[in-house]
Amino acid sequence: MTWLNTGSISEKDAFNTLALDRQSAIDYGLRLPNDYPYHKTQFSQQALSMLSSLNDYDQYQVLREIVFISSHPSTPSSVKHSLNPFNRIYRTRYPFKQYHYLIRYKLSTDDKVIIEDILFDYQLIGKQPNSAAERTMMYHLDRVPNGPSYDKAKPGEEIEELAGAWQTPTPTTQISTAHAAVNGMKNDLDKAAWLMGTHADAAYQTDTIKAYTLFHNPSDNTGLDIIECAFDKRQGSKSHNAQHLAAVLAQRHHQGKATKWVAHSQGVIVFCAALEHYRLHYGDELKGQQLAVHGSGANIERLTRIAKSLGVKVHQPKNNPFDIVPNIAGSNDLSPCSLVLLAREQ
């Protein structure tokens, strides 16, 4: 059995049920969809505890599935319990295999849908044999005691030592550190963990960083990553990565917590798209958030414009003048020199 719940409710109270109204939803920290069926759905205390523990993005994805279940309780996507035909198990329809929630529910005698439990597949957490199976999520990282830090340009052997500067990533649903990072393309969890710690050191050299939070942007493969980049650069809806990060930014805003972010390469594209999604769906200013940009895959003018409108401070970007990612992919330098460089790289 690889499914876990919060386990935070006593066995005595876990399956007491209640129906939500707008006020109780606010009390539990839930942002219900506009079409949520108040009169048709009830929750056990256990299910509400699990739902409340999720970040805004995951929470909303699960709630959308609950709305579907309420309208289609006998959907073929659900499986009847082998012993109790009133109990059903439903696996979410989210389009990516890295996202597995299981919703356990039953039908009452008056045809109400009672959500008994919400569970997450813990096998998705952490490094996977195939990096494409890694899930977008956050990890807390502590520096190894007396571990090396990046404070200046280093030779190859010292750079290799930085790979051992951080302890094993610990999954988390909330940021509890002053620093956070979003990685770029072709980074599995192991590489992203130490590389973004190095980027954080380089971005905030006077801070003596002992821990940071990684918002892990997993890599499917180069082709799919490029498609995802193009999707996030367009106007309109954004990738699930960007929507997820926007929910994290909203969470920090509601907590009144400041965060020093660093984003690298595709991570800058994701961050820019997250800000655009945030402005459209949340709207509040993000005071206390600041961003260091390294090797930007996003257009700096576009990024700084959206960041300024939300009160996010963007530090002077660090882009290598000979790097095709910020110059060409980010459209930050389309001079003849950059175009010649691109031709040489092909």
Protein backbone atom coordinates (compact mmCIF):
# COMPACT_ATOMS: atom_id res chain seq x y z
CA MET A 1 0.00 0.00 0.00
CA THR A 2 1.69 3.21 -1.14
CA TRP A 3 -1.08 5.66 -0.29
CA LEU A 4 -0.75 8.01 2.68
CA ASN A 5 -3.03 10.46 4.46
CA THR A 6 -2.20 13.06 7.10
CA GLY A 7 -2.91 10.82 10.05
CA SER A 8 -3.53 13.94 12.12
CA ILE A 9 -7.08 13.18 13.29
CA SER A 10 -7.88 10.84 16.16
CA GLU A 11 -9.46 7.55 15.16
CA LYS A 12 -12.55 8.49 17.17
CA ASP A 13 -13.22 11.69 15.19
CA ALA A 14 -11.67 10.85 11.83
CA PHE A 15 -14.86 9.88 10.02
CA ASN A 16 -17.37 12.25 11.57
CA THR A 17 -18.89 14.02 8.57
CA LEU A 18 -20.00 17.55 7.84
CA ALA A 19 -21.20 19.61 4.89
CA LEU A 20 -19.27 22.73 3.93
CA ASP A 21 -20.73 26.18 3.52
CA ARG A 22 -18.83 29.29 2.46
CA GLN A 23 -17.83 30.23 6.01
CA SER A 24 -16.67 26.76 7.04
CA ALA A 25 -14.67 26.52 3.80
CA ILE A 26 -12.86 29.72 4.77
CA ASP A 27 -12.29 28.34 8.27
CA TYR A 28 -10.60 25.28 6.76
CA GLY A 29 -8.59 27.43 4.32
CA LEU A 30 -10.33 26.02 1.24
CA ARG A 31 -10.85 27.91 -2.03
CA LEU A 32 -13.92 26.15 -3.41
CA PRO A 33 -14.66 26.17 -7.16
CA ASN A 34 -17.57 28.35 -8.25
CA ASP A 35 -19.60 25.28 -9.18
CA TYR A 36 -18.96 23.42 -5.93
CA PRO A 37 -22.14 21.43 -5.02
CA TYR A 38 -22.72 22.43 -1.39
CA HIS A 39 -25.98 20.46 -1.14
CA LYS A 40 -24.63 17.20 -2.56
CA THR A 41 -21.25 16.71 -0.85
CA GLN A 42 -20.04 16.00 2.66
CA PHE A 43 -16.55 15.40 4.08
CA SER A 44 -15.15 13.30 6.86
CA GLN A 45 -12.89 15.14 9.30
CA GLN A 46 -10.02 13.02 8.00
CA ALA A 47 -10.61 14.10 4.39
CA LEU A 48 -10.86 17.76 5.41
CA SER A 49 -7.63 17.47 7.38
CA MET A 50 -5.83 16.09 4.33
CA LEU A 51 -7.37 18.67 2.01
CA SER A 52 -6.44 21.55 4.32
CA SER A 53 -2.82 20.38 4.47
CA LEU A 54 -2.35 20.67 0.69
CA ASN A 55 -1.06 23.82 -0.95
CA ASP A 56 -3.53 25.90 -2.91
CA TYR A 57 -2.67 24.32 -6.26
CA ASP A 58 -2.98 20.66 -5.17
CA GLN A 59 -6.05 21.50 -3.14
CA TYR A 60 -7.84 23.04 -6.10
CA GLN A 61 -6.97 20.10 -8.39
CA VAL A 62 -8.51 17.66 -5.90
CA LEU A 63 -11.58 19.85 -5.39
CA ARG A 64 -12.19 19.94 -9.14
CA GLU A 65 -12.24 16.13 -9.09
CA ILE A 66 -14.68 16.16 -6.16
CA VAL A 67 -17.00 18.42 -8.14
CA PHE A 68 -16.88 15.85 -10.95
CA ILE A 69 -17.55 12.95 -8.57
CA SER A 70 -20.56 14.77 -7.12
CA SER A 71 -22.10 15.04 -10.57
CA HIS A 72 -21.02 11.56 -11.68
CA PRO A 73 -20.80 9.36 -8.57
CA SER A 74 -21.06 6.18 -10.63
CA THR A 75 -18.40 7.22 -13.15
CA PRO A 76 -16.54 4.31 -14.76
CA SER A 77 -13.35 5.97 -13.49
CA SER A 78 -14.23 4.86 -9.97
CA VAL A 79 -13.91 1.34 -8.61
CA LYS A 80 -16.42 -0.22 -6.22
CA HIS A 81 -15.10 -1.58 -2.98
CA SER A 82 -14.94 -5.37 -3.14
CA LEU A 83 -16.96 -5.86 0.08
CA ASN A 84 -19.10 -2.73 0.32
CA PRO A 85 -20.81 -1.67 -2.93
CA PHE A 86 -21.57 1.76 -1.47
CA ASN A 87 -17.87 2.56 -1.10
CA ARG A 88 -15.88 3.69 -4.13
CA ILE A 89 -12.30 4.59 -4.94
CA TYR A 90 -11.52 7.24 -7.55
CA ARG A 91 -8.13 8.06 -9.08
CA THR A 92 -7.78 11.67 -10.21
CA ARG A 93 -7.84 12.41 -13.94
CA TYR A 94 -4.95 14.88 -13.86
CA PRO A 95 -3.18 14.53 -17.24
CA PHE A 96 0.33 13.84 -15.94
CA LYS A 97 1.44 10.56 -14.41
CA GLN A 98 3.42 12.36 -11.70
CA TYR A 99 0.19 13.46 -10.00
CA HIS A 100 -1.64 10.68 -8.17
CA TYR A 101 -4.36 11.37 -5.66
CA LEU A 102 -6.84 8.75 -4.61
CA ILE A 103 -10.28 9.87 -3.41
CA ARG A 104 -12.24 7.40 -1.31
CA TYR A 105 -15.97 8.12 -1.11
CA LYS A 106 -19.36 6.52 -0.61
CA LEU A 107 -22.96 7.27 -1.46
CA SER A 108 -25.39 7.89 1.38
CA THR A 109 -28.97 6.63 1.41
CA ASP A 110 -30.16 10.10 0.31
CA ASP A 111 -27.70 10.12 -2.64
CA LYS A 112 -25.17 12.49 -1.11
CA VAL A 113 -21.49 11.91 -1.90
CA ILE A 114 -19.45 11.53 1.29
CA ILE A 115 -15.69 12.05 0.79
CA GLU A 116 -14.14 9.70 3.33
CA ASP A 117 -10.44 10.15 2.63
CA ILE A 118 -7.91 11.73 0.27
CA LEU A 119 -4.57 10.00 -0.15
CA PHE A 120 -1.30 10.68 -1.96
CA ASP A 121 1.05 8.14 -3.53
CA TYR A 122 4.27 8.59 -1.54
CA GLN A 123 6.28 6.66 -4.15
CA LEU A 124 6.19 9.86 -6.22
CA ILE A 125 8.23 11.74 -3.62
CA GLY A 126 11.96 12.19 -4.16
CA LYS A 127 14.37 10.99 -6.83
CA GLN A 128 13.03 8.49 -9.36
CA PRO A 129 14.99 6.01 -11.54
CA ASN A 130 13.57 7.88 -14.53
CA SER A 131 13.74 11.63 -13.92
CA ALA A 132 10.65 12.11 -16.12
CA ALA A 133 8.66 10.41 -13.33
CA GLU A 134 9.68 13.03 -10.76
CA ARG A 135 6.89 15.30 -9.60
CA THR A 136 6.72 19.09 -9.38
CA MET A 137 6.95 19.71 -5.65
CA MET A 138 8.97 21.46 -2.97
CA TYR A 139 11.90 20.11 -0.97
CA HIS A 140 13.60 21.46 2.14
CA LEU A 141 17.41 21.25 2.01
CA ASP A 142 19.85 21.75 4.89
CA ARG A 143 23.51 22.37 4.26
CA VAL A 144 25.83 19.62 5.45
CA PRO A 145 27.55 20.80 8.67
CA ASN A 146 30.63 22.77 7.61
CA GLY A 147 29.74 21.96 4.01
CA PRO A 148 31.33 24.07 1.24
CA SER A 149 29.56 27.10 -0.20
CA TYR A 150 29.99 29.01 -3.43
CA ASP A 151 31.66 32.37 -2.79
CA LYS A 152 33.72 32.91 -5.95
CA ALA A 153 34.71 31.25 -9.22
CA LYS A 154 36.17 27.83 -8.47
CA PRO A 155 38.21 25.24 -10.38
CA GLY A 156 36.58 22.00 -11.50
CA GLU A 157 37.53 19.88 -8.49
CA GLU A 158 36.09 22.43 -6.04
CA ILE A 159 32.89 22.69 -8.08
CA GLU A 160 32.51 18.91 -7.76
CA GLU A 161 32.76 19.27 -3.97
CA LEU A 162 29.71 21.54 -4.01
CA ALA A 163 27.60 18.56 -5.11
CA GLY A 164 28.01 17.18 -1.59
CA ALA A 165 27.20 20.41 0.21
CA TRP A 166 23.52 19.63 0.87
CA GLN A 167 21.71 16.91 2.78
CA THR A 168 19.02 14.67 1.31
CA PRO A 169 16.01 16.70 0.10
CA THR A 170 12.98 16.47 2.41
CA PRO A 171 9.54 16.88 0.79
CA THR A 172 7.53 19.82 2.11
CA THR A 173 4.22 21.52 1.33
CA GLN A 174 5.29 24.91 2.72
CA ILE A 175 8.38 27.10 2.60
CA SER A 176 9.97 27.47 6.03
CA THR A 177 13.27 29.01 4.87
CA ALA A 178 14.30 32.56 3.96
CA HIS A 179 15.62 31.41 0.57
CA ALA A 180 14.02 29.42 -2.24
CA ALA A 181 14.96 28.42 -5.78
CA VAL A 182 13.50 27.22 -9.09
CA ASN A 183 15.75 25.06 -11.27
CA GLY A 184 16.16 25.00 -15.04
CA MET A 185 16.01 22.35 -17.76
CA LYS A 186 17.54 18.88 -17.66
CA ASN A 187 17.92 18.83 -13.86
CA ASP A 188 16.88 15.70 -12.02
CA LEU A 189 16.27 16.14 -8.29
CA ASP A 190 19.83 15.27 -7.24
CA LYS A 191 21.38 17.78 -9.63
CA ALA A 192 18.79 20.48 -8.97
CA ALA A 193 19.31 20.15 -5.19
CA TRP A 194 23.01 21.01 -5.16
CA LEU A 195 23.06 23.24 -8.25
CA MET A 196 20.30 25.56 -7.00
CA GLY A 197 21.95 25.68 -3.59
CA THR A 198 25.03 26.94 -5.41
CA HIS A 199 22.96 29.49 -7.31
CA ALA A 200 21.42 30.68 -4.02
CA ASP A 201 24.92 31.10 -2.53
CA ALA A 202 26.02 33.09 -5.58
CA ALA A 203 22.90 35.27 -5.56
CA TYR A 204 22.93 36.13 -1.84
CA GLN A 205 26.58 35.87 -0.87
CA THR A 206 26.31 37.84 2.37
CA ASP A 207 23.50 35.70 3.80
CA THR A 208 25.46 32.57 4.89
CA ILE A 209 22.66 30.25 3.77
CA LYS A 210 22.20 27.20 6.00
CA ALA A 211 18.98 25.93 4.40
CA TYR A 212 16.79 26.68 1.42
CA THR A 213 13.64 25.38 -0.28
CA LEU A 214 13.76 23.96 -3.79
CA PHE A 215 10.70 24.30 -5.99
CA HIS A 216 11.63 21.38 -8.22
CA ASN A 217 10.82 21.80 -11.89
CA PRO A 218 11.30 18.21 -13.15
CA SER A 219 12.57 17.46 -16.63
CA ASP A 220 10.67 15.17 -19.01
CA ASN A 221 13.23 15.46 -21.81
CA THR A 222 14.75 18.29 -23.83
CA GLY A 223 11.99 18.32 -26.44
CA LEU A 224 9.10 18.37 -23.97
CA ASP A 225 10.89 20.94 -21.79
CA ILE A 226 11.22 23.26 -24.79
CA ILE A 227 7.50 22.83 -25.55
CA GLU A 228 6.70 23.66 -21.92
CA CYS A 229 8.88 26.79 -22.17
CA ALA A 230 7.01 27.92 -25.30
CA PHE A 231 3.67 27.26 -23.59
CA ASP A 232 4.61 29.43 -20.59
CA LYS A 233 5.84 32.28 -22.80
CA ARG A 234 2.57 32.60 -24.67
CA GLN A 235 -0.29 34.75 -23.47
CA GLY A 236 -3.14 32.88 -21.81
CA SER A 237 -3.14 29.80 -19.58
CA LYS A 238 0.16 28.65 -18.10
CA SER A 239 1.76 25.27 -17.40
CA HIS A 240 0.88 23.32 -14.28
CA ASN A 241 4.41 24.10 -13.02
CA ALA A 242 3.69 27.83 -13.22
CA GLN A 243 0.24 27.47 -11.68
CA HIS A 244 1.73 25.46 -8.83
CA LEU A 245 4.42 28.09 -8.19
CA ALA A 246 1.78 30.84 -8.26
CA ALA A 247 -0.05 28.98 -5.48
CA VAL A 248 3.17 28.84 -3.46
CA LEU A 249 3.65 32.60 -3.89
CA ALA A 250 0.07 33.15 -2.74
CA GLN A 251 0.74 30.95 0.29
CA ARG A 252 3.78 33.05 1.23
CA HIS A 253 1.76 36.25 0.79
CA HIS A 254 -1.02 35.01 3.06
CA GLN A 255 1.56 34.01 5.67
CA GLY A 256 3.18 37.45 5.47
CA LYS A 257 6.58 35.85 4.88
CA ALA A 258 9.44 37.35 2.85
CA THR A 259 11.39 35.10 0.49
CA LYS A 260 14.64 35.55 -1.41
CA TRP A 261 14.20 33.58 -4.64
CA VAL A 262 16.71 32.58 -7.28
CA ALA A 263 15.69 31.13 -10.64
CA HIS A 264 17.89 29.68 -13.37
CA SER A 265 17.27 29.18 -17.09
CA GLN A 266 13.81 27.61 -17.58
CA GLY A 267 13.14 28.35 -13.91
CA VAL A 268 12.99 32.06 -14.81
CA ILE A 269 10.37 31.30 -17.49
CA VAL A 270 8.33 29.36 -14.92
CA PHE A 271 8.65 32.21 -12.41
CA CYS A 272 7.58 34.85 -14.95
CA ALA A 273 4.60 32.72 -15.99
CA ALA A 274 3.72 32.15 -12.32
CA LEU A 275 3.63 35.90 -11.73
CA GLU A 276 1.35 36.39 -14.73
CA HIS A 277 -0.94 33.61 -13.50
CA TYR A 278 -0.85 35.05 -9.97
CA ARG A 279 -1.85 38.53 -11.14
CA LEU A 280 -4.82 37.11 -13.03
CA HIS A 281 -6.10 34.69 -10.36
CA TYR A 282 -4.94 36.17 -7.03
CA GLY A 283 -4.18 39.84 -7.68
CA ASP A 284 -2.67 41.00 -4.37
CA GLU A 285 0.78 42.56 -4.27
CA LEU A 286 3.63 40.22 -3.34
CA LYS A 287 5.56 42.51 -1.04
CA GLY A 288 8.59 40.91 0.56
CA GLN A 289 9.34 38.64 -2.41
CA GLN A 290 12.56 39.22 -4.33
CA LEU A 291 14.13 37.38 -7.24
CA ALA A 292 17.68 36.83 -8.46
CA VAL A 293 17.84 35.86 -12.13
CA HIS A 294 20.59 33.63 -13.53
CA GLY A 295 20.86 32.70 -17.21
CA SER A 296 17.33 33.87 -17.92
CA GLY A 297 15.28 31.88 -20.39
CA ALA A 298 12.62 34.61 -20.09
CA ASN A 299 12.65 38.09 -21.54
CA ILE A 300 13.95 40.37 -18.78
CA GLU A 301 11.83 43.36 -19.78
CA ARG A 302 8.66 41.25 -19.61
CA LEU A 303 9.71 39.73 -16.28
CA THR A 304 10.58 43.03 -14.61
CA ARG A 305 7.36 44.62 -15.84
CA ILE A 306 5.09 41.97 -14.31
CA ALA A 307 7.27 41.77 -11.16
CA LYS A 308 7.12 45.54 -10.62
CA SER A 309 3.32 45.54 -10.98
CA LEU A 310 3.14 43.02 -8.11
CA GLY A 311 5.78 44.59 -5.88
CA VAL A 312 8.40 41.87 -6.46
CA LYS A 313 12.00 43.12 -6.45
CA VAL A 314 14.12 41.73 -9.31
CA HIS A 315 17.89 41.96 -8.84
CA GLN A 316 20.22 42.81 -11.72
CA PRO A 317 20.17 39.66 -13.90
CA LYS A 318 23.35 37.61 -14.26
CA ASN A 319 23.43 36.49 -17.88
CA ASN A 320 26.57 35.27 -19.61
CA PRO A 321 27.01 37.42 -22.76
CA PHE A 322 28.02 34.26 -24.64
CA ASP A 323 25.11 32.10 -23.42
CA ILE A 324 22.46 31.42 -26.07
CA VAL A 325 19.76 30.72 -23.42
CA PRO A 326 19.29 34.30 -22.18
CA ASN A 327 20.36 35.94 -25.44
CA ILE A 328 18.40 33.94 -27.99
CA ALA A 329 15.84 31.82 -26.10
CA GLY A 330 15.05 34.73 -23.79
CA SER A 331 15.20 37.28 -26.63
CA ASN A 332 17.41 39.49 -24.45
CA ASP A 333 20.17 39.99 -27.02
CA LEU A 334 19.42 39.43 -30.70
CA SER A 335 22.51 41.29 -31.85
CA PRO A 336 24.59 39.95 -34.79
CA CYS A 337 27.18 38.72 -32.25
CA SER A 338 24.63 36.52 -30.47
CA LEU A 339 23.22 35.20 -33.74
CA VAL A 340 26.72 34.25 -34.91
CA LEU A 341 27.23 32.42 -31.62
CA LEU A 342 23.98 30.51 -32.13
CA ALA A 343 25.06 29.49 -35.63
CA ARG A 344 28.35 28.16 -34.26
CA GLU A 345 26.49 26.11 -31.63
CA GLN A 346 24.36 24.33 -34.26
